[in-house]
């Protein structure tokens, strides 16, 4: 939410927002990894949500894929002078 508000009120803030987004994605992946190391399996809401190694792995893979997509798209936008 902070990044959206920053983008609205600050002119030419696309670089700042992109770099902050990349940092937030990496920090979230690291926190998810560190959180997963200490637990075996957690069941929430009457076993409707299960947090285990597989779910954490998929979350980390999704975060890293999003990180790579942002990097690749920034190169594309720079190449065609959109960014």
C-alpha atoms as a PDB file:
ATOM      1  CA  UNK A   1       0.000   0.000   0.000  1.00  0.00           C
ATOM      2  CA  UNK A   2       2.871   2.323   0.809  1.00  0.00           C
ATOM      3  CA  UNK A   3       4.385   1.776  -2.638  1.00  0.00           C
ATOM      4  CA  UNK A   4       1.103   2.611  -4.351  1.00  0.00           C
ATOM      5  CA  UNK A   5       0.738   5.847  -2.404  1.00  0.00           C
ATOM      6  CA  UNK A   6       4.364   6.738  -3.101  1.00  0.00           C
ATOM      7  CA  UNK A   7       3.812   6.208  -6.822  1.00  0.00           C
ATOM      8  CA  UNK A   8       0.758   8.444  -6.855  1.00  0.00           C
ATOM      9  CA  UNK A   9       2.208  11.400  -4.994  1.00  0.00           C
ATOM     10  CA  UNK A  10       5.858  11.436  -6.129  1.00  0.00           C
ATOM     11  CA  UNK A  11       6.662  12.280  -9.730  1.00  0.00           C
ATOM     12  CA  UNK A  12       9.109  10.035 -11.621  1.00  0.00           C
ATOM     13  CA  UNK A  13       9.208   7.486  -8.836  1.00  0.00           C
ATOM     14  CA  UNK A  14       9.164   4.335 -10.969  1.00  0.00           C
ATOM     15  CA  UNK A  15      12.809   3.456 -10.198  1.00  0.00           C
ATOM     16  CA  UNK A  16      12.318   3.903  -6.461  1.00  0.00           C
ATOM     17  CA  UNK A  17       9.141   1.840  -6.463  1.00  0.00           C
ATOM     18  CA  UNK A  18      10.717  -0.938  -8.502  1.00  0.00           C
ATOM     19  CA  UNK A  19      13.778  -1.139  -6.246  1.00  0.00           C
ATOM     20  CA  UNK A  20      11.660  -1.090  -3.085  1.00  0.00           C
ATOM     21  CA  UNK A  21       9.430  -3.813  -4.540  1.00  0.00           C
ATOM     22  CA  UNK A  22      12.446  -5.993  -5.253  1.00  0.00           C
ATOM     23  CA  UNK A  23      13.779  -5.483  -1.735  1.00  0.00           C
ATOM     24  CA  UNK A  24      10.394  -6.276  -0.173  1.00  0.00           C
ATOM     25  CA  UNK A  25      10.098  -9.472  -2.227  1.00  0.00           C
ATOM     26  CA  UNK A  26      13.544 -10.674  -1.183  1.00  0.00           C
ATOM     27  CA  UNK A  27      12.980  -9.820   2.480  1.00  0.00           C
ATOM     28  CA  UNK A  28       9.654 -11.659   2.414  1.00  0.00           C
ATOM     29  CA  UNK A  29      11.290 -14.731   0.857  1.00  0.00           C
ATOM     30  CA  UNK A  30      14.024 -14.730   3.513  1.00  0.00           C
ATOM     31  CA  UNK A  31      11.496 -14.344   6.331  1.00  0.00           C
ATOM     32  CA  UNK A  32       9.392 -17.175   4.906  1.00  0.00           C
ATOM     33  CA  UNK A  33      12.453 -19.415   4.660  1.00  0.00           C
ATOM     34  CA  UNK A  34      13.580 -18.654   8.214  1.00  0.00           C
ATOM     35  CA  UNK A  35      10.071 -19.210   9.538  1.00  0.00           C
ATOM     36  CA  UNK A  36       9.843 -22.591   7.813  1.00  0.00           C
ATOM     37  CA  UNK A  37      13.083 -23.961   9.251  1.00  0.00           C
ATOM     38  CA  UNK A  38      11.756 -24.023  12.791  1.00  0.00           C
ATOM     39  CA  UNK A  39       8.388 -25.719  12.227  1.00  0.00           C
ATOM     40  CA  UNK A  40       7.240 -29.108  11.060  1.00  0.00           C
ATOM     41  CA  UNK A  41       3.559 -28.567  10.357  1.00  0.00           C
ATOM     42  CA  UNK A  42       0.984 -26.064  11.570  1.00  0.00           C
ATOM     43  CA  UNK A  43      -2.751 -26.484  11.069  1.00  0.00           C
ATOM     44  CA  UNK A  44      -5.049 -23.485  11.280  1.00  0.00           C
ATOM     45  CA  UNK A  45      -8.796 -22.894  11.118  1.00  0.00           C
ATOM     46  CA  UNK A  46      -9.883 -26.445  11.845  1.00  0.00           C
ATOM     47  CA  UNK A  47      -7.302 -27.959   9.432  1.00  0.00           C
ATOM     48  CA  UNK A  48      -8.386 -25.818   6.477  1.00  0.00           C
ATOM     49  CA  UNK A  49      -4.939 -24.184   6.239  1.00  0.00           C
ATOM     50  CA  UNK A  50      -1.815 -26.301   6.639  1.00  0.00           C
ATOM     51  CA  UNK A  51       1.608 -24.659   6.761  1.00  0.00           C
ATOM     52  CA  UNK A  52       4.379 -27.134   6.049  1.00  0.00           C
ATOM     53  CA  UNK A  53       7.569 -27.377   4.021  1.00  0.00           C
ATOM     54  CA  UNK A  54       5.795 -27.782   0.684  1.00  0.00           C
ATOM     55  CA  UNK A  55       3.548 -24.770   1.123  1.00  0.00           C
ATOM     56  CA  UNK A  56       6.491 -22.642   2.212  1.00  0.00           C
ATOM     57  CA  UNK A  57       8.552 -23.864  -0.734  1.00  0.00           C
ATOM     58  CA  UNK A  58       5.780 -22.919  -3.148  1.00  0.00           C
ATOM     59  CA  UNK A  59       5.486 -19.512  -1.508  1.00  0.00           C
ATOM     60  CA  UNK A  60       9.236 -18.915  -1.870  1.00  0.00           C
ATOM     61  CA  UNK A  61       9.191 -20.085  -5.506  1.00  0.00           C
ATOM     62  CA  UNK A  62       6.330 -17.681  -6.237  1.00  0.00           C
ATOM     63  CA  UNK A  63       8.144 -14.775  -4.576  1.00  0.00           C
ATOM     64  CA  UNK A  64      11.375 -15.479  -6.479  1.00  0.00           C
ATOM     65  CA  UNK A  65       9.491 -15.842  -9.772  1.00  0.00           C
ATOM     66  CA  UNK A  66       7.852 -12.472  -9.143  1.00  0.00           C
ATOM     67  CA  UNK A  67      11.293 -11.016  -8.430  1.00  0.00           C
ATOM     68  CA  UNK A  68      12.604 -12.334 -11.758  1.00  0.00           C
ATOM     69  CA  UNK A  69       9.562 -11.059 -13.652  1.00  0.00           C
ATOM     70  CA  UNK A  70      10.133  -7.559 -12.271  1.00  0.00           C
ATOM     71  CA  UNK A  71      13.790  -7.645 -13.314  1.00  0.00           C
ATOM     72  CA  UNK A  72      13.015  -8.928 -16.809  1.00  0.00           C
ATOM     73  CA  UNK A  73      10.192  -6.450 -17.329  1.00  0.00           C
ATOM     74  CA  UNK A  74      12.376  -3.543 -16.221  1.00  0.00           C
ATOM     75  CA  UNK A  75      14.975  -4.503 -18.845  1.00  0.00           C
ATOM     76  CA  UNK A  76      12.233  -4.678 -21.476  1.00  0.00           C
ATOM     77  CA  UNK A  77      10.842  -1.292 -20.486  1.00  0.00           C
ATOM     78  CA  UNK A  78      14.311   0.276 -20.571  1.00  0.00           C
ATOM     79  CA  UNK A  79      15.034  -1.213 -23.993  1.00  0.00           C
ATOM     80  CA  UNK A  80      11.907   0.305 -25.544  1.00  0.00           C
ATOM     81  CA  UNK A  81      12.240   3.557 -23.536  1.00  0.00           C
ATOM     82  CA  UNK A  82       8.884   3.149 -21.813  1.00  0.00           C
ATOM     83  CA  UNK A  83      10.367   3.272 -18.329  1.00  0.00           C
END
